[in-house]
């Protein structure tokens, strides 16, 4: 296959992917959550030599990408969070714009979220107050650091 054919094949195969943000490959099947103004996806960052890393992409939902005030708040969030370094705050890797929408690429932290843990504890009748207190304490430490930085 010639270099031109390889480039064409790569272009066509990219169209089969729901969307790409520069170096980040995202599948709609990997949406972690959606809120009122943004959605969060599990994505993969690919690099040279077979490098691949799981990341999270947070992107502004459709109509909000046209709202200048909301875009300013989103960009401010990315800029502020990028300067924070704390074990209880996810790291920001990148912030950019792809087409009409903005995105933030951030650290992926595997595991269940707090709501999933609460549901499991309820179903298993295994609520451990000390475990939840530790989680709340960690969140509080991260918030304290962010608000005092």
N, C-alpha and C. Protein backbone atom coordinates (compact mmCIF):
# COMPACT_ATOMS: atom_id res chain seq x y z
N UNK A 1 0.86 -1.18 0.00
CA UNK A 1 0.00 0.00 0.00
C UNK A 1 0.90 1.24 0.00
N UNK A 2 0.62 2.15 -0.90
CA UNK A 2 1.44 3.36 -1.00
C UNK A 2 1.15 4.30 0.17
N UNK A 3 2.01 5.28 0.34
CA UNK A 3 1.84 6.27 1.40
C UNK A 3 0.52 7.01 1.22
N UNK A 4 0.17 7.36 -0.01
CA UNK A 4 -1.10 8.05 -0.27
C UNK A 4 -2.29 7.18 0.08
N UNK A 5 -2.20 5.87 -0.24
CA UNK A 5 -3.31 4.97 0.09
C UNK A 5 -3.44 4.81 1.61
N UNK A 6 -2.30 4.76 2.30
CA UNK A 6 -2.34 4.66 3.76
C UNK A 6 -2.98 5.90 4.37
N UNK A 7 -2.64 7.06 3.85
CA UNK A 7 -3.21 8.31 4.36
C UNK A 7 -4.71 8.34 4.12
N UNK A 8 -5.15 7.90 2.95
CA UNK A 8 -6.58 7.88 2.63
C UNK A 8 -7.31 6.89 3.54
N UNK A 9 -6.72 5.72 3.75
CA UNK A 9 -7.33 4.72 4.63
C UNK A 9 -7.46 5.27 6.05
N UNK A 10 -6.42 5.93 6.53
CA UNK A 10 -6.46 6.53 7.87
C UNK A 10 -7.55 7.58 7.96
N UNK A 11 -7.69 8.40 6.91
CA UNK A 11 -8.73 9.44 6.91
C UNK A 11 -10.11 8.81 6.97
N UNK A 12 -10.33 7.77 6.15
CA UNK A 12 -11.63 7.11 6.12
C UNK A 12 -11.92 6.47 7.47
N UNK A 13 -10.94 5.76 8.05
CA UNK A 13 -11.18 5.08 9.32
C UNK A 13 -11.48 6.08 10.43
N UNK A 14 -10.90 7.27 10.39
CA UNK A 14 -11.19 8.30 11.40
C UNK A 14 -12.65 8.72 11.35
N UNK A 15 -13.22 8.70 10.18
CA UNK A 15 -14.63 9.10 10.05
C UNK A 15 -15.56 8.12 10.75
N UNK A 16 -15.10 6.87 10.94
CA UNK A 16 -15.91 5.88 11.63
C UNK A 16 -15.92 6.10 13.13
N UNK A 17 -14.96 6.86 13.62
CA UNK A 17 -14.89 7.18 15.04
C UNK A 17 -15.84 8.35 15.28
N UNK A 18 -16.70 8.26 16.30
CA UNK A 18 -17.67 9.34 16.52
C UNK A 18 -17.06 10.73 16.55
N UNK A 19 -15.95 10.93 17.23
CA UNK A 19 -15.28 12.22 17.15
C UNK A 19 -13.87 12.08 17.70
N UNK A 20 -13.02 13.00 17.27
CA UNK A 20 -11.63 13.04 17.73
C UNK A 20 -11.31 14.45 18.16
N UNK A 21 -10.56 14.57 19.23
CA UNK A 21 -10.03 15.86 19.67
C UNK A 21 -8.53 15.78 19.52
N UNK A 22 -8.03 16.35 18.47
CA UNK A 22 -6.60 16.42 18.19
C UNK A 22 -5.95 15.05 18.40
N UNK A 23 -5.36 14.77 19.55
CA UNK A 23 -4.68 13.51 19.82
C UNK A 23 -5.53 12.52 20.59
N UNK A 24 -6.78 12.84 20.85
CA UNK A 24 -7.61 12.02 21.72
C UNK A 24 -8.70 11.33 20.92
N UNK A 25 -8.78 10.01 21.05
CA UNK A 25 -9.80 9.24 20.36
C UNK A 25 -10.91 8.95 21.37
N UNK A 26 -12.13 9.31 20.99
CA UNK A 26 -13.26 9.20 21.90
C UNK A 26 -14.37 8.41 21.23
N UNK A 27 -15.01 7.53 21.98
CA UNK A 27 -16.15 6.77 21.47
C UNK A 27 -17.38 7.16 22.28
N UNK A 28 -18.52 7.29 21.59
CA UNK A 28 -19.75 7.62 22.31
C UNK A 28 -20.11 6.53 23.31
N UNK A 29 -19.62 5.32 23.08
CA UNK A 29 -19.90 4.23 24.01
C UNK A 29 -19.18 4.41 25.33
N UNK A 30 -18.20 5.30 25.34
CA UNK A 30 -17.39 5.51 26.53
C UNK A 30 -17.77 6.77 27.29
N UNK A 31 -19.00 7.22 27.13
CA UNK A 31 -19.42 8.41 27.88
C UNK A 31 -19.57 8.03 29.34
N UNK A 32 -18.87 8.75 30.19
CA UNK A 32 -18.91 8.49 31.63
C UNK A 32 -20.13 9.13 32.25
N UNK A 33 -20.40 10.38 31.86
CA UNK A 33 -21.52 11.10 32.44
C UNK A 33 -21.86 12.31 31.59
N UNK A 34 -23.06 12.81 31.76
CA UNK A 34 -23.48 14.04 31.10
C UNK A 34 -24.24 14.87 32.12
N UNK A 35 -23.96 16.16 32.10
CA UNK A 35 -24.65 17.07 33.01
C UNK A 35 -25.44 18.08 32.19
N UNK A 36 -25.81 19.15 32.81
CA UNK A 36 -26.61 20.16 32.13
C UNK A 36 -25.84 20.98 31.11
N UNK A 37 -24.51 21.10 31.29
CA UNK A 37 -23.73 21.98 30.41
C UNK A 37 -22.53 21.30 29.76
N UNK A 38 -22.14 20.13 30.23
CA UNK A 38 -20.97 19.45 29.66
C UNK A 38 -21.15 17.94 29.78
N UNK A 39 -20.35 17.22 29.00
CA UNK A 39 -20.34 15.76 29.08
C UNK A 39 -18.90 15.29 29.21
N UNK A 40 -18.75 14.10 29.80
CA UNK A 40 -17.43 13.57 30.11
C UNK A 40 -17.30 12.18 29.48
N UNK A 41 -16.18 11.98 28.78
CA UNK A 41 -15.92 10.73 28.08
C UNK A 41 -14.59 10.13 28.51
N UNK A 42 -14.52 8.79 28.51
CA UNK A 42 -13.26 8.11 28.61
C UNK A 42 -12.67 8.10 27.21
N UNK A 43 -11.41 8.48 27.09
CA UNK A 43 -10.77 8.57 25.77
C UNK A 43 -9.38 7.95 25.84
N UNK A 44 -8.75 7.88 24.69
CA UNK A 44 -7.40 7.35 24.61
C UNK A 44 -6.52 8.35 23.89
N UNK A 45 -5.39 8.63 24.48
CA UNK A 45 -4.40 9.48 23.84
C UNK A 45 -3.36 8.55 23.22
N UNK A 46 -3.16 8.65 21.92
CA UNK A 46 -2.18 7.84 21.22
C UNK A 46 -0.95 8.66 20.90
N UNK A 47 0.19 8.00 20.91
CA UNK A 47 1.43 8.68 20.59
C UNK A 47 2.37 7.76 19.83
N UNK A 48 3.55 8.22 19.65
CA UNK A 48 4.56 7.50 18.88
C UNK A 48 4.92 6.17 19.55
N UNK A 49 5.32 5.21 18.73
CA UNK A 49 5.83 3.94 19.25
C UNK A 49 4.81 3.10 19.99
N UNK A 50 3.52 3.28 19.69
CA UNK A 50 2.48 2.50 20.34
C UNK A 50 2.05 3.05 21.69
N UNK A 51 2.50 4.27 22.02
CA UNK A 51 2.09 4.89 23.28
C UNK A 51 0.58 5.07 23.30
N UNK A 52 -0.04 4.69 24.38
CA UNK A 52 -1.48 4.90 24.56
C UNK A 52 -1.76 5.13 26.04
N UNK A 53 -2.61 6.09 26.32
CA UNK A 53 -2.93 6.44 27.70
C UNK A 53 -4.41 6.77 27.80
N UNK A 54 -5.07 6.24 28.82
CA UNK A 54 -6.47 6.59 29.06
C UNK A 54 -6.52 7.99 29.66
N UNK A 55 -7.41 8.81 29.14
CA UNK A 55 -7.65 10.15 29.67
C UNK A 55 -9.15 10.38 29.70
N UNK A 56 -9.55 11.45 30.33
CA UNK A 56 -10.95 11.86 30.35
C UNK A 56 -11.06 13.15 29.55
N UNK A 57 -12.07 13.22 28.71
CA UNK A 57 -12.35 14.43 27.94
C UNK A 57 -13.66 15.02 28.45
N UNK A 58 -13.60 16.27 28.85
CA UNK A 58 -14.81 17.00 29.24
C UNK A 58 -15.05 18.02 28.15
N UNK A 59 -16.24 17.98 27.56
CA UNK A 59 -16.52 18.94 26.50
C UNK A 59 -17.85 19.63 26.74
N UNK A 60 -17.91 20.85 26.28
CA UNK A 60 -19.12 21.66 26.42
C UNK A 60 -20.20 21.10 25.51
N UNK A 61 -21.42 21.03 26.02
CA UNK A 61 -22.55 20.60 25.20
C UNK A 61 -22.91 21.67 24.18
N UNK A 62 -23.46 21.24 23.06
CA UNK A 62 -23.83 22.06 21.91
C UNK A 62 -24.10 23.53 22.09
N UNK A 63 -25.26 23.88 22.62
CA UNK A 63 -25.68 25.28 22.71
C UNK A 63 -24.76 26.11 23.60
N UNK A 64 -24.19 25.50 24.62
CA UNK A 64 -23.32 26.24 25.54
C UNK A 64 -22.02 26.66 24.88
N UNK A 65 -21.62 25.95 23.83
CA UNK A 65 -20.39 26.32 23.11
C UNK A 65 -20.54 27.66 22.41
N UNK A 66 -21.77 28.12 22.22
CA UNK A 66 -22.04 29.41 21.58
C UNK A 66 -22.26 30.52 22.60
N UNK A 67 -22.30 30.15 23.88
CA UNK A 67 -22.54 31.12 24.95
C UNK A 67 -21.19 31.64 25.46
N UNK A 68 -20.84 32.87 25.12
CA UNK A 68 -19.53 33.44 25.45
C UNK A 68 -19.25 33.42 26.95
N UNK A 69 -20.25 33.69 27.76
CA UNK A 69 -20.05 33.70 29.21
C UNK A 69 -19.71 32.31 29.71
N UNK A 70 -20.43 31.31 29.22
CA UNK A 70 -20.15 29.94 29.66
C UNK A 70 -18.78 29.49 29.18
N UNK A 71 -18.43 29.81 27.95
CA UNK A 71 -17.11 29.44 27.42
C UNK A 71 -16.01 30.06 28.28
N UNK A 72 -16.18 31.32 28.67
CA UNK A 72 -15.19 31.98 29.54
C UNK A 72 -15.05 31.26 30.88
N UNK A 73 -16.17 30.82 31.46
CA UNK A 73 -16.13 30.09 32.73
C UNK A 73 -15.43 28.73 32.55
N UNK A 74 -15.71 28.06 31.44
CA UNK A 74 -15.11 26.77 31.15
C UNK A 74 -13.59 26.91 31.00
N UNK A 75 -13.17 27.93 30.25
CA UNK A 75 -11.74 28.18 30.06
C UNK A 75 -11.06 28.56 31.37
N UNK A 76 -11.75 29.35 32.19
CA UNK A 76 -11.20 29.73 33.49
C UNK A 76 -11.03 28.50 34.39
N UNK A 77 -11.99 27.60 34.34
CA UNK A 77 -11.89 26.35 35.12
C UNK A 77 -10.64 25.57 34.70
N UNK A 78 -10.43 25.44 33.40
CA UNK A 78 -9.26 24.69 32.90
C UNK A 78 -7.96 25.37 33.32
N UNK A 79 -7.90 26.68 33.17
CA UNK A 79 -6.67 27.41 33.52
C UNK A 79 -6.37 27.31 35.01
N UNK A 80 -7.38 27.44 35.84
CA UNK A 80 -7.19 27.35 37.28
C UNK A 80 -6.76 25.94 37.67
N UNK A 81 -7.50 24.94 37.20
CA UNK A 81 -7.21 23.55 37.57
C UNK A 81 -5.84 23.10 37.08
N UNK A 82 -5.38 23.65 35.97
CA UNK A 82 -4.08 23.27 35.42
C UNK A 82 -2.93 23.62 36.36
N UNK A 83 -3.14 24.58 37.25
CA UNK A 83 -2.08 25.02 38.16
C UNK A 83 -2.15 24.32 39.51
N UNK A 84 -3.14 23.47 39.70
CA UNK A 84 -3.29 22.78 40.97
C UNK A 84 -2.57 21.44 40.94
N UNK A 85 -1.89 21.12 42.01
CA UNK A 85 -1.22 19.83 42.11
C UNK A 85 -1.47 19.28 43.51
N UNK A 86 -2.42 18.35 43.57
CA UNK A 86 -2.83 17.77 44.84
C UNK A 86 -3.30 16.34 44.57
N UNK A 87 -3.02 15.41 45.46
CA UNK A 87 -3.42 14.01 45.21
C UNK A 87 -4.92 13.80 45.09
N UNK A 88 -5.73 14.73 45.57
CA UNK A 88 -7.19 14.58 45.51
C UNK A 88 -7.83 15.45 44.44
N UNK A 89 -7.03 15.95 43.51
CA UNK A 89 -7.53 16.75 42.39
C UNK A 89 -6.95 16.16 41.11
N UNK A 90 -7.81 15.87 40.14
CA UNK A 90 -7.30 15.30 38.89
C UNK A 90 -6.42 16.32 38.17
N UNK A 91 -5.42 15.80 37.48
CA UNK A 91 -4.49 16.66 36.74
C UNK A 91 -5.07 17.01 35.38
N UNK A 92 -4.87 18.25 34.96
CA UNK A 92 -5.30 18.71 33.64
C UNK A 92 -4.12 18.56 32.69
N UNK A 93 -4.34 17.86 31.57
CA UNK A 93 -3.28 17.64 30.59
C UNK A 93 -3.32 18.63 29.44
N UNK A 94 -4.52 19.05 29.08
CA UNK A 94 -4.67 19.83 27.86
C UNK A 94 -6.02 20.53 27.87
N UNK A 95 -6.10 21.61 27.15
CA UNK A 95 -7.36 22.32 26.93
C UNK A 95 -7.31 22.81 25.50
N UNK A 96 -8.40 22.64 24.79
CA UNK A 96 -8.37 23.07 23.40
C UNK A 96 -9.75 23.26 22.82
N UNK A 97 -9.74 23.48 21.54
CA UNK A 97 -10.98 23.69 20.80
C UNK A 97 -10.94 22.80 19.57
N UNK A 98 -12.02 22.09 19.34
CA UNK A 98 -12.16 21.26 18.15
C UNK A 98 -13.49 21.64 17.53
N UNK A 99 -13.43 22.25 16.36
CA UNK A 99 -14.65 22.74 15.75
C UNK A 99 -15.25 23.83 16.62
N UNK A 100 -16.56 23.78 16.83
CA UNK A 100 -17.20 24.85 17.61
C UNK A 100 -17.17 24.65 19.12
N UNK A 101 -16.62 23.54 19.58
CA UNK A 101 -16.68 23.27 21.01
C UNK A 101 -15.30 23.21 21.66
N UNK A 102 -15.27 23.47 22.95
CA UNK A 102 -14.04 23.42 23.73
C UNK A 102 -14.00 22.14 24.54
N UNK A 103 -12.80 21.71 24.89
CA UNK A 103 -12.66 20.51 25.69
C UNK A 103 -11.49 20.65 26.66
N UNK A 104 -11.55 19.83 27.71
CA UNK A 104 -10.46 19.71 28.67
C UNK A 104 -10.08 18.24 28.71
N UNK A 105 -8.80 17.94 28.55
CA UNK A 105 -8.30 16.57 28.70
C UNK A 105 -7.68 16.47 30.09
N UNK A 106 -8.10 15.47 30.85
CA UNK A 106 -7.64 15.35 32.22
C UNK A 106 -7.34 13.91 32.60
N UNK A 107 -6.75 13.78 33.76
CA UNK A 107 -6.37 12.48 34.31
C UNK A 107 -7.60 11.59 34.45
N UNK A 108 -7.42 10.31 34.10
CA UNK A 108 -8.45 9.30 34.32
C UNK A 108 -8.16 8.58 35.62
N UNK A 109 -9.13 8.54 36.51
CA UNK A 109 -8.99 7.84 37.78
C UNK A 109 -9.98 6.67 37.75
N UNK A 110 -9.48 5.44 37.60
CA UNK A 110 -10.38 4.29 37.49
C UNK A 110 -11.08 4.00 38.81
N UNK A 111 -12.24 3.38 38.70
CA UNK A 111 -12.97 2.96 39.89
C UNK A 111 -14.38 3.52 39.91
N UNK A 112 -15.17 3.06 40.86
CA UNK A 112 -16.55 3.53 40.95
C UNK A 112 -16.62 4.96 41.47
N UNK A 113 -17.71 5.63 41.12
CA UNK A 113 -17.93 6.97 41.68
C UNK A 113 -18.68 6.83 43.00
N UNK A 114 -18.85 7.93 43.68
CA UNK A 114 -19.47 7.89 45.02
C UNK A 114 -20.90 7.34 44.97
N UNK A 115 -21.68 7.72 43.95
CA UNK A 115 -23.05 7.22 43.84
C UNK A 115 -23.05 5.70 43.67
N UNK A 116 -22.15 5.18 42.86
CA UNK A 116 -22.06 3.72 42.68
C UNK A 116 -21.70 3.03 43.99
N UNK A 117 -20.79 3.62 44.75
CA UNK A 117 -20.43 3.05 46.05
C UNK A 117 -21.61 3.05 47.02
N UNK A 118 -22.36 4.15 47.01
CA UNK A 118 -23.52 4.23 47.90
C UNK A 118 -24.58 3.20 47.52
N UNK A 119 -24.82 3.04 46.21
CA UNK A 119 -25.80 2.03 45.76
C UNK A 119 -25.35 0.63 46.15
N UNK A 120 -24.07 0.33 45.96
CA UNK A 120 -23.55 -0.99 46.33
C UNK A 120 -23.72 -1.21 47.83
N UNK A 121 -23.37 -0.22 48.62
CA UNK A 121 -23.47 -0.36 50.08
C UNK A 121 -24.92 -0.58 50.50
N UNK A 122 -25.85 0.08 49.82
CA UNK A 122 -27.27 -0.07 50.14
C UNK A 122 -27.76 -1.46 49.78
N UNK A 123 -27.42 -1.91 48.57
CA UNK A 123 -27.86 -3.24 48.12
C UNK A 123 -27.23 -4.35 48.95
N UNK A 124 -25.98 -4.20 49.30
CA UNK A 124 -25.26 -5.22 50.05
C UNK A 124 -25.50 -5.10 51.56
N UNK A 125 -26.26 -4.06 51.93
CA UNK A 125 -26.48 -3.77 53.36
C UNK A 125 -25.14 -3.78 54.10
N UNK A 126 -24.18 -3.09 53.48
CA UNK A 126 -22.82 -3.07 53.99
C UNK A 126 -22.29 -1.64 54.04
N UNK A 127 -23.07 -0.77 54.62
CA UNK A 127 -22.63 0.62 54.72
C UNK A 127 -21.55 0.73 55.79
N UNK A 128 -20.41 1.24 55.37
CA UNK A 128 -19.29 1.41 56.30
C UNK A 128 -19.04 2.91 56.45
N UNK A 129 -19.56 3.48 57.52
CA UNK A 129 -19.43 4.93 57.70
C UNK A 129 -17.98 5.41 57.64
N UNK A 130 -17.05 4.62 58.14
CA UNK A 130 -15.66 5.08 58.13
C UNK A 130 -15.11 5.19 56.71
N UNK A 131 -15.54 4.29 55.81
CA UNK A 131 -15.08 4.36 54.42
C UNK A 131 -15.61 5.63 53.76
N UNK A 132 -16.88 5.93 53.99
CA UNK A 132 -17.46 7.14 53.38
C UNK A 132 -16.89 8.40 54.02
N UNK A 133 -16.60 8.34 55.30
CA UNK A 133 -15.99 9.49 55.98
C UNK A 133 -14.61 9.77 55.38
N UNK A 134 -13.88 8.71 55.06
CA UNK A 134 -12.55 8.88 54.45
C UNK A 134 -12.67 9.53 53.07
N UNK A 135 -13.66 9.12 52.30
CA UNK A 135 -13.87 9.72 50.97
C UNK A 135 -14.22 11.20 51.11
N UNK A 136 -15.15 11.51 51.99
CA UNK A 136 -15.56 12.90 52.20
C UNK A 136 -14.37 13.72 52.70
N UNK A 137 -13.56 13.14 53.54
CA UNK A 137 -12.38 13.83 54.05
C UNK A 137 -11.41 14.15 52.90
N UNK A 138 -11.19 13.19 52.00
CA UNK A 138 -10.31 13.41 50.85
C UNK A 138 -10.83 14.50 49.93
N UNK A 139 -12.13 14.48 49.69
CA UNK A 139 -12.75 15.53 48.87
C UNK A 139 -12.57 16.88 49.54
N UNK A 140 -12.78 16.92 50.84
CA UNK A 140 -12.62 18.17 51.58
C UNK A 140 -11.20 18.70 51.51
N UNK A 141 -10.21 17.81 51.60
CA UNK A 141 -8.82 18.22 51.50
C UNK A 141 -8.52 18.85 50.13
N UNK A 142 -9.04 18.20 49.07
CA UNK A 142 -8.86 18.74 47.73
C UNK A 142 -9.51 20.10 47.55
N UNK A 143 -10.72 20.24 48.06
CA UNK A 143 -11.43 21.52 47.98
C UNK A 143 -10.70 22.61 48.77
N UNK A 144 -10.24 22.25 49.95
CA UNK A 144 -9.51 23.22 50.78
C UNK A 144 -8.27 23.71 50.04
N UNK A 145 -7.53 22.78 49.46
CA UNK A 145 -6.32 23.14 48.71
C UNK A 145 -6.67 24.06 47.52
N UNK A 146 -7.71 23.69 46.79
CA UNK A 146 -8.10 24.49 45.61
C UNK A 146 -8.51 25.90 46.01
N UNK A 147 -9.28 26.01 47.06
CA UNK A 147 -9.77 27.34 47.48
C UNK A 147 -8.70 28.21 48.12
N UNK A 148 -7.62 27.59 48.57
CA UNK A 148 -6.56 28.35 49.21
C UNK A 148 -5.33 28.52 48.34
N UNK A 149 -5.43 28.09 47.10
CA UNK A 149 -4.28 28.23 46.18
C UNK A 149 -4.38 29.48 45.35
